[in-house]
């Protein structure tokens, strides 16, 4: 009984963190501040790959997203997205 409850409790925590990722927005935070928060939630969500990139893009400010879309070669990894977003936020 306890094993079953603990299993669902753990899965529920992951789902809560995925939902939290979907709601996250950069707002007035710098990209670095937003990314620290985003990474903290990512670690607990087990979200990865394209789904993670999609959630990241959804949360960053419109100005940075427009700049990212003008980049010659879009990144394929979340780490590259982080790096490009930070660079674009600074300039």
PDB file of N, CA and C in Angstrom:
ATOM      1  N   UNK A   1       0.819  -1.197   0.000  1.00  0.00           N
ATOM      2  CA  UNK A   1       0.000   0.000   0.000  1.00  0.00           C
ATOM      3  C   UNK A   1       0.861   1.258   0.000  1.00  0.00           C
ATOM      4  N   UNK A   2       1.896   1.302   0.882  1.00  0.00           N
ATOM      5  CA  UNK A   2       2.761   2.480   0.969  1.00  0.00           C
ATOM      6  C   UNK A   2       3.571   2.648  -0.313  1.00  0.00           C
ATOM      7  N   UNK A   3       4.024   1.543  -0.904  1.00  0.00           N
ATOM      8  CA  UNK A   3       4.784   1.619  -2.152  1.00  0.00           C
ATOM      9  C   UNK A   3       3.955   2.255  -3.251  1.00  0.00           C
ATOM     10  N   UNK A   4       2.717   1.833  -3.362  1.00  0.00           N
ATOM     11  CA  UNK A   4       1.828   2.361  -4.397  1.00  0.00           C
ATOM     12  C   UNK A   4       1.587   3.860  -4.182  1.00  0.00           C
ATOM     13  N   UNK A   5       1.318   4.241  -2.958  1.00  0.00           N
ATOM     14  CA  UNK A   5       1.074   5.656  -2.649  1.00  0.00           C
ATOM     15  C   UNK A   5       2.321   6.488  -2.932  1.00  0.00           C
ATOM     16  N   UNK A   6       3.496   6.010  -2.534  1.00  0.00           N
ATOM     17  CA  UNK A   6       4.740   6.739  -2.778  1.00  0.00           C
ATOM     18  C   UNK A   6       5.040   6.863  -4.261  1.00  0.00           C
ATOM     19  N   UNK A   7       4.724   5.819  -5.031  1.00  0.00           N
ATOM     20  CA  UNK A   7       4.949   5.865  -6.469  1.00  0.00           C
ATOM     21  C   UNK A   7       4.113   6.973  -7.100  1.00  0.00           C
ATOM     22  N   UNK A   8       2.843   7.030  -6.781  1.00  0.00           N
ATOM     23  CA  UNK A   8       1.970   8.058  -7.346  1.00  0.00           C
ATOM     24  C   UNK A   8       2.315   9.448  -6.822  1.00  0.00           C
ATOM     25  N   UNK A   9       2.741   9.536  -5.595  1.00  0.00           N
ATOM     26  CA  UNK A   9       3.130  10.819  -5.025  1.00  0.00           C
ATOM     27  C   UNK A   9       4.334  11.374  -5.788  1.00  0.00           C
ATOM     28  N   UNK A  10       5.308  10.519  -6.093  1.00  0.00           N
ATOM     29  CA  UNK A  10       6.487  10.937  -6.849  1.00  0.00           C
ATOM     30  C   UNK A  10       6.127  11.387  -8.246  1.00  0.00           C
ATOM     31  N   UNK A  11       5.274  10.643  -8.928  1.00  0.00           N
ATOM     32  CA  UNK A  11       4.840  11.014 -10.274  1.00  0.00           C
ATOM     33  C   UNK A  11       4.059  12.318 -10.237  1.00  0.00           C
ATOM     34  N   UNK A  12       3.262  12.497  -9.208  1.00  0.00           N
ATOM     35  CA  UNK A  12       2.482  13.714  -9.081  1.00  0.00           C
ATOM     36  C   UNK A  12       3.396  14.935  -8.942  1.00  0.00           C
ATOM     37  N   UNK A  13       4.492  14.808  -8.194  1.00  0.00           N
ATOM     38  CA  UNK A  13       5.437  15.911  -8.030  1.00  0.00           C
ATOM     39  C   UNK A  13       6.030  16.305  -9.373  1.00  0.00           C
ATOM     40  N   UNK A  14       6.366  15.319 -10.191  1.00  0.00           N
ATOM     41  CA  UNK A  14       6.911  15.602 -11.517  1.00  0.00           C
ATOM     42  C   UNK A  14       5.891  16.346 -12.374  1.00  0.00           C
ATOM     43  N   UNK A  15       4.641  15.901 -12.337  1.00  0.00           N
ATOM     44  CA  UNK A  15       3.586  16.560 -13.111  1.00  0.00           C
ATOM     45  C   UNK A  15       3.354  17.997 -12.643  1.00  0.00           C
ATOM     46  N   UNK A  16       3.440  18.214 -11.348  1.00  0.00           N
ATOM     47  CA  UNK A  16       3.288  19.563 -10.799  1.00  0.00           C
ATOM     48  C   UNK A  16       4.410  20.451 -11.317  1.00  0.00           C
ATOM     49  N   UNK A  17       5.633  19.931 -11.358  1.00  0.00           N
ATOM     50  CA  UNK A  17       6.773  20.715 -11.842  1.00  0.00           C
ATOM     51  C   UNK A  17       6.661  20.990 -13.336  1.00  0.00           C
ATOM     52  N   UNK A  18       6.160  20.047 -14.112  1.00  0.00           N
ATOM     53  CA  UNK A  18       5.944  20.265 -15.545  1.00  0.00           C
ATOM     54  C   UNK A  18       4.912  21.372 -15.733  1.00  0.00           C
ATOM     55  N   UNK A  19       3.856  21.339 -14.955  1.00  0.00           N
ATOM     56  CA  UNK A  19       2.829  22.382 -15.033  1.00  0.00           C
ATOM     57  C   UNK A  19       3.420  23.736 -14.630  1.00  0.00           C
ATOM     58  N   UNK A  20       4.304  23.728 -13.644  1.00  0.00           N
ATOM     59  CA  UNK A  20       4.965  24.962 -13.212  1.00  0.00           C
ATOM     60  C   UNK A  20       5.829  25.525 -14.344  1.00  0.00           C
ATOM     61  N   UNK A  21       6.524  24.653 -15.065  1.00  0.00           N
ATOM     62  CA  UNK A  21       7.331  25.094 -16.212  1.00  0.00           C
ATOM     63  C   UNK A  21       6.462  25.790 -17.252  1.00  0.00           C
ATOM     64  N   UNK A  22       5.287  25.249 -17.492  1.00  0.00           N
ATOM     65  CA  UNK A  22       4.382  25.832 -18.491  1.00  0.00           C
ATOM     66  C   UNK A  22       3.929  27.235 -18.102  1.00  0.00           C
ATOM     67  N   UNK A  23       3.832  27.488 -16.800  1.00  0.00           N
ATOM     68  CA  UNK A  23       3.333  28.781 -16.324  1.00  0.00           C
ATOM     69  C   UNK A  23       4.436  29.826 -16.143  1.00  0.00           C
ATOM     70  N   UNK A  24       5.688  29.414 -16.165  1.00  0.00           N
ATOM     71  CA  UNK A  24       6.786  30.335 -15.885  1.00  0.00           C
ATOM     72  C   UNK A  24       6.926  31.394 -16.973  1.00  0.00           C
ATOM     73  N   UNK A  25       7.182  32.620 -16.533  1.00  0.00           N
ATOM     74  CA  UNK A  25       7.415  33.729 -17.451  1.00  0.00           C
ATOM     75  C   UNK A  25       8.588  34.552 -16.948  1.00  0.00           C
ATOM     76  N   UNK A  26       9.362  35.063 -17.890  1.00  0.00           N
ATOM     77  CA  UNK A  26      10.519  35.868 -17.545  1.00  0.00           C
ATOM     78  C   UNK A  26      10.101  37.190 -16.912  1.00  0.00           C
ATOM     79  N   UNK A  27       9.110  37.832 -17.486  1.00  0.00           N
ATOM     80  CA  UNK A  27       8.666  39.116 -16.948  1.00  0.00           C
ATOM     81  C   UNK A  27       9.787  40.137 -16.944  1.00  0.00           C
ATOM     82  N   UNK A  28      10.021  40.771 -15.821  1.00  0.00           N
ATOM     83  CA  UNK A  28      11.060  41.810 -15.697  1.00  0.00           C
ATOM     84  C   UNK A  28      12.411  41.251 -15.266  1.00  0.00           C
ATOM     85  N   UNK A  29      12.494  39.953 -15.082  1.00  0.00           N
ATOM     86  CA  UNK A  29      13.757  39.330 -14.666  1.00  0.00           C
ATOM     87  C   UNK A  29      14.747  39.339 -15.816  1.00  0.00           C
ATOM     88  N   UNK A  30      16.027  39.362 -15.481  1.00  0.00           N
ATOM     89  CA  UNK A  30      17.036  39.173 -16.518  1.00  0.00           C
ATOM     90  C   UNK A  30      16.953  37.731 -16.973  1.00  0.00           C
ATOM     91  N   UNK A  31      17.542  37.440 -18.108  1.00  0.00           N
ATOM     92  CA  UNK A  31      17.543  36.066 -18.602  1.00  0.00           C
ATOM     93  C   UNK A  31      18.257  35.147 -17.619  1.00  0.00           C
ATOM     94  N   UNK A  32      19.338  35.634 -17.026  1.00  0.00           N
ATOM     95  CA  UNK A  32      20.068  34.814 -16.060  1.00  0.00           C
ATOM     96  C   UNK A  32      19.213  34.467 -14.847  1.00  0.00           C
ATOM     97  N   UNK A  33      18.453  35.435 -14.343  1.00  0.00           N
ATOM     98  CA  UNK A  33      17.564  35.181 -13.201  1.00  0.00           C
ATOM     99  C   UNK A  33      16.470  34.180 -13.578  1.00  0.00           C
ATOM    100  N   UNK A  34      15.880  34.398 -14.750  1.00  0.00           N
ATOM    101  CA  UNK A  34      14.830  33.494 -15.217  1.00  0.00           C
ATOM    102  C   UNK A  34      15.370  32.075 -15.379  1.00  0.00           C
ATOM    103  N   UNK A  35      16.567  31.961 -15.967  1.00  0.00           N
ATOM    104  CA  UNK A  35      17.143  30.634 -16.200  1.00  0.00           C
ATOM    105  C   UNK A  35      17.459  29.901 -14.908  1.00  0.00           C
ATOM    106  N   UNK A  36      17.918  30.610 -13.894  1.00  0.00           N
ATOM    107  CA  UNK A  36      18.178  29.962 -12.602  1.00  0.00           C
ATOM    108  C   UNK A  36      16.896  29.333 -12.067  1.00  0.00           C
ATOM    109  N   UNK A  37      15.831  30.096 -12.126  1.00  0.00           N
ATOM    110  CA  UNK A  37      14.524  29.611 -11.671  1.00  0.00           C
ATOM    111  C   UNK A  37      14.053  28.436 -12.535  1.00  0.00           C
ATOM    112  N   UNK A  38      14.167  28.609 -13.849  1.00  0.00           N
ATOM    113  CA  UNK A  38      13.735  27.595 -14.800  1.00  0.00           C
ATOM    114  C   UNK A  38      14.503  26.289 -14.584  1.00  0.00           C
ATOM    115  N   UNK A  39      15.819  26.382 -14.462  1.00  0.00           N
ATOM    116  CA  UNK A  39      16.652  25.183 -14.247  1.00  0.00           C
ATOM    117  C   UNK A  39      16.300  24.465 -12.951  1.00  0.00           C
ATOM    118  N   UNK A  40      15.998  25.233 -11.911  1.00  0.00           N
ATOM    119  CA  UNK A  40      15.629  24.634 -10.622  1.00  0.00           C
ATOM    120  C   UNK A  40      14.382  23.763 -10.782  1.00  0.00           C
ATOM    121  N   UNK A  41      13.413  24.259 -11.508  1.00  0.00           N
ATOM    122  CA  UNK A  41      12.171  23.511 -11.717  1.00  0.00           C
ATOM    123  C   UNK A  41      12.411  22.338 -12.674  1.00  0.00           C
ATOM    124  N   UNK A  42      13.239  22.538 -13.695  1.00  0.00           N
ATOM    125  CA  UNK A  42      13.539  21.479 -14.668  1.00  0.00           C
ATOM    126  C   UNK A  42      14.097  20.247 -13.972  1.00  0.00           C
ATOM    127  N   UNK A  43      15.007  20.459 -13.033  1.00  0.00           N
ATOM    128  CA  UNK A  43      15.638  19.322 -12.328  1.00  0.00           C
ATOM    129  C   UNK A  43      14.602  18.419 -11.674  1.00  0.00           C
ATOM    130  N   UNK A  44      13.526  19.001 -11.205  1.00  0.00           N
ATOM    131  CA  UNK A  44      12.509  18.217 -10.501  1.00  0.00           C
ATOM    132  C   UNK A  44      11.414  17.700 -11.433  1.00  0.00           C
ATOM    133  N   UNK A  45      11.399  18.190 -12.675  1.00  0.00           N
ATOM    134  CA  UNK A  45      10.320  17.816 -13.592  1.00  0.00           C
ATOM    135  C   UNK A  45      10.660  16.628 -14.479  1.00  0.00           C
ATOM    136  N   UNK A  46      11.926  16.391 -14.689  1.00  0.00           N
ATOM    137  CA  UNK A  46      12.426  15.342 -15.593  1.00  0.00           C
ATOM    138  C   UNK A  46      12.011  15.604 -17.042  1.00  0.00           C
ATOM    139  N   UNK A  47      11.629  16.833 -17.344  1.00  0.00           N
ATOM    140  CA  UNK A  47      11.281  17.224 -18.707  1.00  0.00           C
ATOM    141  C   UNK A  47      12.579  17.424 -19.484  1.00  0.00           C
ATOM    142  N   UNK A  48      12.609  17.023 -20.763  1.00  0.00           N
ATOM    143  CA  UNK A  48      13.821  17.197 -21.553  1.00  0.00           C
ATOM    144  C   UNK A  48      13.508  17.250 -23.040  1.00  0.00           C
ATOM    145  N   UNK A  49      14.540  17.470 -23.832  1.00  0.00           N
ATOM    146  CA  UNK A  49      14.406  17.474 -25.282  1.00  0.00           C
ATOM    147  C   UNK A  49      13.595  18.636 -25.811  1.00  0.00           C
ATOM    148  N   UNK A  50      12.885  18.370 -26.891  1.00  0.00           N
ATOM    149  CA  UNK A  50      12.094  19.421 -27.562  1.00  0.00           C
ATOM    150  C   UNK A  50      11.006  19.982 -26.674  1.00  0.00           C
ATOM    151  N   UNK A  51      10.425  19.141 -25.835  1.00  0.00           N
ATOM    152  CA  UNK A  51       9.368  19.613 -24.929  1.00  0.00           C
ATOM    153  C   UNK A  51       9.918  20.675 -23.976  1.00  0.00           C
ATOM    154  N   UNK A  52      11.138  20.475 -23.515  1.00  0.00           N
ATOM    155  CA  UNK A  52      11.766  21.428 -22.608  1.00  0.00           C
ATOM    156  C   UNK A  52      12.070  22.737 -23.337  1.00  0.00           C
ATOM    157  N   UNK A  53      12.584  22.645 -24.541  1.00  0.00           N
ATOM    158  CA  UNK A  53      12.869  23.843 -25.342  1.00  0.00           C
ATOM    159  C   UNK A  53      11.584  24.625 -25.583  1.00  0.00           C
ATOM    160  N   UNK A  54      10.514  23.928 -25.877  1.00  0.00           N
ATOM    161  CA  UNK A  54       9.221  24.574 -26.123  1.00  0.00           C
ATOM    162  C   UNK A  54       8.758  25.346 -24.885  1.00  0.00           C
ATOM    163  N   UNK A  55       8.899  24.751 -23.712  1.00  0.00           N
ATOM    164  CA  UNK A  55       8.493  25.418 -22.471  1.00  0.00           C
ATOM    165  C   UNK A  55       9.378  26.632 -22.194  1.00  0.00           C
ATOM    166  N   UNK A  56      10.667  26.500 -22.495  1.00  0.00           N
ATOM    167  CA  UNK A  56      11.596  27.610 -22.299  1.00  0.00           C
ATOM    168  C   UNK A  56      11.218  28.775 -23.216  1.00  0.00           C
ATOM    169  N   UNK A  57      10.990  28.482 -24.493  1.00  0.00           N
ATOM    170  CA  UNK A  57      10.623  29.525 -25.459  1.00  0.00           C
ATOM    171  C   UNK A  57       9.324  30.215 -25.043  1.00  0.00           C
ATOM    172  N   UNK A  58       8.391  29.455 -24.526  1.00  0.00           N
ATOM    173  CA  UNK A  58       7.101  30.007 -24.109  1.00  0.00           C
ATOM    174  C   UNK A  58       7.268  30.998 -22.955  1.00  0.00           C
ATOM    175  N   UNK A  59       8.290  30.788 -22.116  1.00  0.00           N
ATOM    176  CA  UNK A  59       8.456  31.619 -20.928  1.00  0.00           C
ATOM    177  C   UNK A  59       9.277  32.879 -21.108  1.00  0.00           C
ATOM    178  N   UNK A  60      10.111  32.934 -22.155  1.00  0.00           N
ATOM    179  CA  UNK A  60      10.986  34.102 -22.289  1.00  0.00           C
ATOM    180  C   UNK A  60      10.267  35.253 -22.974  1.00  0.00           C
ATOM    181  N   UNK A  61      10.804  36.445 -22.744  1.00  0.00           N
ATOM    182  CA  UNK A  61      10.169  37.657 -23.271  1.00  0.00           C
ATOM    183  C   UNK A  61      10.118  37.666 -24.794  1.00  0.00           C
ATOM    184  N   UNK A  62       9.089  38.310 -25.287  1.00  0.00           N
ATOM    185  CA  UNK A  62       8.821  38.405 -26.726  1.00  0.00           C
ATOM    186  C   UNK A  62      10.004  38.990 -27.508  1.00  0.00           C
ATOM    187  N   UNK A  63      10.645  40.011 -26.946  1.00  0.00           N
ATOM    188  CA  UNK A  63      11.769  40.661 -27.627  1.00  0.00           C
ATOM    189  C   UNK A  63      12.904  39.666 -27.860  1.00  0.00           C
ATOM    190  N   UNK A  64      13.222  38.882 -26.854  1.00  0.00           N
ATOM    191  CA  UNK A  64      14.304  37.900 -26.977  1.00  0.00           C
ATOM    192  C   UNK A  64      13.906  36.790 -27.935  1.00  0.00           C
ATOM    193  N   UNK A  65      12.670  36.362 -27.877  1.00  0.00           N
ATOM    194  CA  UNK A  65      12.205  35.297 -28.794  1.00  0.00           C
ATOM    195  C   UNK A  65      12.330  35.764 -30.232  1.00  0.00           C
ATOM    196  N   UNK A  66      11.967  37.021 -30.507  1.00  0.00           N
ATOM    197  CA  UNK A  66      12.097  37.549 -31.874  1.00  0.00           C
ATOM    198  C   UNK A  66      13.555  37.552 -32.318  1.00  0.00           C
ATOM    199  N   UNK A  67      14.444  37.947 -31.428  1.00  0.00           N
ATOM    200  CA  UNK A  67      15.874  37.945 -31.745  1.00  0.00           C
ATOM    201  C   UNK A  67      16.367  36.519 -32.004  1.00  0.00           C
ATOM    202  N   UNK A  68      15.902  35.582 -31.196  1.00  0.00           N
ATOM    203  CA  UNK A  68      16.305  34.182 -31.372  1.00  0.00           C
ATOM    204  C   UNK A  68      15.859  33.636 -32.728  1.00  0.00           C
ATOM    205  N   UNK A  69      14.698  34.047 -33.176  1.00  0.00           N
ATOM    206  CA  UNK A  69      14.179  33.563 -34.453  1.00  0.00           C
ATOM    207  C   UNK A  69      14.964  34.128 -35.642  1.00  0.00           C
ATOM    208  N   UNK A  70      15.714  35.193 -35.414  1.00  0.00           N
ATOM    209  CA  UNK A  70      16.540  35.776 -36.473  1.00  0.00           C
ATOM    210  C   UNK A  70      17.939  35.162 -36.530  1.00  0.00           C
ATOM    211  N   UNK A  71      18.269  34.348 -35.531  1.00  0.00           N
ATOM    212  CA  UNK A  71      19.584  33.701 -35.500  1.00  0.00           C
ATOM    213  C   UNK A  71      19.691  32.764 -36.689  1.00  0.00           C
ATOM    214  N   UNK A  72      20.855  32.782 -37.309  1.00  0.00           N
ATOM    215  CA  UNK A  72      21.070  31.993 -38.532  1.00  0.00           C
ATOM    216  C   UNK A  72      20.787  30.509 -38.319  1.00  0.00           C
ATOM    217  N   UNK A  73      21.270  29.980 -37.243  1.00  0.00           N
ATOM    218  CA  UNK A  73      21.123  28.542 -36.984  1.00  0.00           C
ATOM    219  C   UNK A  73      20.542  28.341 -35.590  1.00  0.00           C
ATOM    220  N   UNK A  74      19.315  27.892 -35.525  1.00  0.00           N
ATOM    221  CA  UNK A  74      18.673  27.677 -34.232  1.00  0.00           C
ATOM    222  C   UNK A  74      19.293  26.485 -33.512  1.00  0.00           C
ATOM    223  N   UNK A  75      19.370  26.606 -32.231  1.00  0.00           N
ATOM    224  CA  UNK A  75      19.958  25.564 -31.396  1.00  0.00           C
ATOM    225  C   UNK A  75      19.079  24.322 -31.339  1.00  0.00           C
ATOM    226  N   UNK A  76      19.732  23.208 -31.080  1.00  0.00           N
ATOM    227  CA  UNK A  76      19.003  21.948 -30.943  1.00  0.00           C
ATOM    228  C   UNK A  76      19.031  21.422 -29.510  1.00  0.00           C
ATOM    229  N   UNK A  77      19.829  22.049 -28.648  1.00  0.00           N
ATOM    230  CA  UNK A  77      19.877  21.607 -27.247  1.00  0.00           C
ATOM    231  C   UNK A  77      19.452  22.755 -26.340  1.00  0.00           C
ATOM    232  N   UNK A  78      18.932  22.415 -25.194  1.00  0.00           N
ATOM    233  CA  UNK A  78      18.481  23.439 -24.249  1.00  0.00           C
ATOM    234  C   UNK A  78      19.654  24.282 -23.778  1.00  0.00           C
ATOM    235  N   UNK A  79      20.811  23.691 -23.603  1.00  0.00           N
ATOM    236  CA  UNK A  79      21.985  24.453 -23.161  1.00  0.00           C
ATOM    237  C   UNK A  79      22.353  25.526 -24.180  1.00  0.00           C
ATOM    238  N   UNK A  80      22.252  25.205 -25.467  1.00  0.00           N
ATOM    239  CA  UNK A  80      22.523  26.194 -26.508  1.00  0.00           C
ATOM    240  C   UNK A  80      21.461  27.292 -26.487  1.00  0.00           C
ATOM    241  N   UNK A  81      20.206  26.937 -26.239  1.00  0.00           N
ATOM    242  CA  UNK A  81      19.140  27.937 -26.130  1.00  0.00           C
ATOM    243  C   UNK A  81      19.432  28.883 -24.962  1.00  0.00           C
ATOM    244  N   UNK A  82      19.838  28.317 -23.828  1.00  0.00           N
ATOM    245  CA  UNK A  82      20.172  29.138 -22.667  1.00  0.00           C
ATOM    246  C   UNK A  82      21.263  30.147 -23.031  1.00  0.00           C
ATOM    247  N   UNK A  83      22.327  29.647 -23.637  1.00  0.00           N
ATOM    248  CA  UNK A  83      23.480  30.485 -23.978  1.00  0.00           C
ATOM    249  C   UNK A  83      23.092  31.600 -24.953  1.00  0.00           C
ATOM    250  N   UNK A  84      22.375  31.248 -25.999  1.00  0.00           N
ATOM    251  CA  UNK A  84      21.957  32.252 -26.984  1.00  0.00           C
ATOM    252  C   UNK A  84      21.021  33.285 -26.352  1.00  0.00           C
ATOM    253  N   UNK A  85      20.105  32.842 -25.522  1.00  0.00           N
ATOM    254  CA  UNK A  85      19.159  33.754 -24.888  1.00  0.00           C
ATOM    255  C   UNK A  85      19.873  34.733 -23.962  1.00  0.00           C
ATOM    256  N   UNK A  86      20.840  34.252 -23.211  1.00  0.00           N
ATOM    257  CA  UNK A  86      21.616  35.137 -22.326  1.00  0.00           C
ATOM    258  C   UNK A  86      22.360  36.177 -23.147  1.00  0.00           C
ATOM    259  N   UNK A  87      23.014  35.740 -24.221  1.00  0.00           N
ATOM    260  CA  UNK A  87      23.757  36.669 -25.070  1.00  0.00           C
ATOM    261  C   UNK A  87      22.837  37.725 -25.669  1.00  0.00           C
ATOM    262  N   UNK A  88      21.677  37.337 -26.126  1.00  0.00           N
ATOM    263  CA  UNK A  88      20.739  38.287 -26.725  1.00  0.00           C
ATOM    264  C   UNK A  88      20.125  39.219 -25.688  1.00  0.00           C
ATOM    265  N   UNK A  89      19.980  38.750 -24.471  1.00  0.00           N
ATOM    266  CA  UNK A  89      19.420  39.578 -23.400  1.00  0.00           C
ATOM    267  C   UNK A  89      20.403  40.681 -23.000  1.00  0.00           C
ATOM    268  N   UNK A  90      21.681  40.402 -23.129  1.00  0.00           N
ATOM    269  CA  UNK A  90      22.715  41.372 -22.736  1.00  0.00           C
ATOM    270  C   UNK A  90      22.848  42.495 -23.747  1.00  0.00           C
ATOM    271  N   UNK A  91      22.505  42.240 -25.009  1.00  0.00           N
ATOM    272  CA  UNK A  91      22.738  43.241 -26.069  1.00  0.00           C
ATOM    273  C   UNK A  91      21.471  43.725 -26.688  1.00  0.00           C
TER     274      UNK A  91
END
